[in-house]
Amino acid sequence: MLVTTTPNIEGKKIIKYIGLVNGEAIIGANIVKDFMANVRDVVGGRSSAYEQSLREAKSIALREMMDQAQRLGAHAVIGVDLDFETIGGSGSMLMVSCNGTAVCLE
C-alpha cells in the first residue's frame, strides 16, 4: 500500500477517490518513563522511552489507516496528515492520529 503526504503519486494516475480513511492510537506512558523524562528535562537530552512510544503509536495508527483503505479496495492513501497529542491530566497518554484519502490507481 502506497502512503504519501502529497496530493498525488508521481507517474501514477488516480482513477477513483474512495474517501477519507483514518487511524488512531493512544498509548499510556508509565511512571518510570515519566520520571526518566523529567530527569532528562532537567539535565538535557532525549527521552528514548517517549520516542519509542511515539514511534509505536505512529506505526499502529498508520497500519490501522492502511488496513481500512485496503478493506475499501484502495491501492494508495494520499494527502496523509499525522497529528501528535498528549492527553490526560498530566499528559500521561500519547495519542497519534492520521487521516488521508484512499484512492485507486491505474
Protein backbone atom coordinates (compact mmCIF):
# COMPACT_ATOMS: atom_id res chain seq x y z
CA MET A 1 0.00 0.00 0.00
CA LEU A 2 1.45 3.35 -1.05
CA VAL A 3 1.08 6.09 1.56
CA THR A 4 2.09 9.68 0.91
CA THR A 5 1.60 13.16 2.30
CA THR A 6 1.41 14.56 -1.24
CA PRO A 7 -1.87 15.02 -3.16
CA ASN A 8 -0.74 12.71 -5.97
CA ILE A 9 1.75 9.97 -6.78
CA GLU A 10 4.40 10.71 -9.39
CA GLY A 11 3.89 8.58 -12.50
CA LYS A 12 0.56 7.17 -11.34
CA LYS A 13 -2.92 8.21 -12.42
CA ILE A 14 -5.67 8.34 -9.82
CA ILE A 15 -8.79 6.79 -11.32
CA LYS A 16 -11.04 6.80 -8.26
CA TYR A 17 -11.21 8.71 -4.98
CA ILE A 18 -12.72 6.33 -2.45
CA GLY A 19 -12.82 8.67 0.52
CA LEU A 20 -11.35 9.56 3.88
CA VAL A 21 -9.61 6.89 5.93
CA ASN A 22 -8.08 7.27 9.37
CA GLY A 23 -6.25 5.57 12.18
CA GLU A 24 -5.70 6.34 15.84
CA ALA A 25 -3.51 5.04 18.61
CA ILE A 26 -3.42 6.06 22.25
CA ILE A 27 -0.62 4.72 24.38
CA GLY A 28 -0.21 5.26 28.09
CA ALA A 29 3.15 6.39 29.37
CA ASN A 30 4.13 4.72 32.61
CA ILE A 31 5.57 6.23 35.77
CA VAL A 32 9.14 5.08 35.03
CA LYS A 33 9.08 6.76 31.61
CA ASP A 34 7.60 9.90 33.18
CA PHE A 35 10.29 10.01 35.86
CA MET A 36 13.15 9.44 33.40
CA ALA A 37 11.72 12.04 31.00
CA ASN A 38 11.58 14.57 33.87
CA VAL A 39 15.23 13.82 34.72
CA ARG A 40 16.22 14.36 31.09
CA ASP A 41 14.25 17.62 31.03
CA VAL A 42 16.37 18.86 33.93
CA VAL A 43 19.76 17.65 32.70
CA GLY A 44 19.06 17.77 28.97
CA GLY A 45 18.99 15.02 26.40
CA ARG A 46 16.41 12.98 24.57
CA SER A 47 13.84 10.68 26.09
CA SER A 48 14.28 7.43 24.19
CA ALA A 49 11.36 5.84 26.08
CA TYR A 50 8.94 8.50 24.84
CA GLU A 51 10.45 8.45 21.36
CA GLN A 52 9.89 4.69 21.19
CA SER A 53 6.30 5.11 22.42
CA LEU A 54 5.65 7.74 19.74
CA ARG A 55 7.12 5.51 17.02
CA GLU A 56 4.96 2.61 18.20
CA ALA A 57 1.79 4.74 18.28
CA LYS A 58 2.56 6.17 14.82
CA SER A 59 3.06 2.67 13.41
CA ILE A 60 -0.24 1.46 14.90
CA ALA A 61 -2.19 4.46 13.59
CA LEU A 62 -0.73 4.17 10.08
CA ARG A 63 -1.36 0.41 9.97
CA GLU A 64 -4.97 0.96 11.06
CA MET A 65 -5.44 3.57 8.31
CA MET A 66 -3.86 1.34 5.65
CA ASP A 67 -5.99 -1.64 6.73
CA GLN A 68 -9.13 0.48 6.41
CA ALA A 69 -8.06 1.64 2.93
CA GLN A 70 -7.30 -1.91 1.85
CA ARG A 71 -10.74 -3.12 3.01
CA LEU A 72 -12.26 -0.40 0.79
CA GLY A 73 -10.26 -1.64 -2.21
CA ALA A 74 -7.76 1.23 -2.36
CA HIS A 75 -4.30 0.99 -3.87
CA ALA A 76 -2.92 4.02 -2.02
CA VAL A 77 -3.61 6.72 0.55
CA ILE A 78 -2.71 10.28 -0.41
CA GLY A 79 -2.65 13.57 1.47
CA VAL A 80 -1.82 11.88 4.76
CA ASP A 81 -1.70 14.10 7.84
CA LEU A 82 -0.26 12.93 11.16
CA ASP A 83 -1.18 14.59 14.46
CA PHE A 84 0.54 14.00 17.80
CA GLU A 85 -1.07 14.99 21.12
CA THR A 86 -0.73 14.35 24.81
CA ILE A 87 -3.94 13.74 26.70
CA GLY A 88 -4.86 13.08 30.28
CA GLY A 89 -4.43 15.07 33.47
CA SER A 90 -0.66 15.43 33.24
CA GLY A 91 -0.21 14.41 29.62
CA SER A 92 0.26 10.79 30.64
CA MET A 93 -1.26 9.45 27.42
CA LEU A 94 0.23 9.81 23.96
CA MET A 95 -2.15 9.99 21.00
CA VAL A 96 -1.31 9.74 17.32
CA SER A 97 -3.99 10.16 14.69
CA CYS A 98 -3.65 10.10 10.94
CA ASN A 99 -6.01 10.59 8.05
CA GLY A 100 -5.79 10.65 4.29
CA THR A 101 -7.71 9.95 1.11
CA ALA A 102 -7.96 6.40 -0.14
CA VAL A 103 -7.59 6.14 -3.92
CA CYS A 104 -7.43 3.62 -6.72
CA LEU A 105 -4.63 3.90 -9.25
CA GLU A 106 -4.48 2.99 -12.92
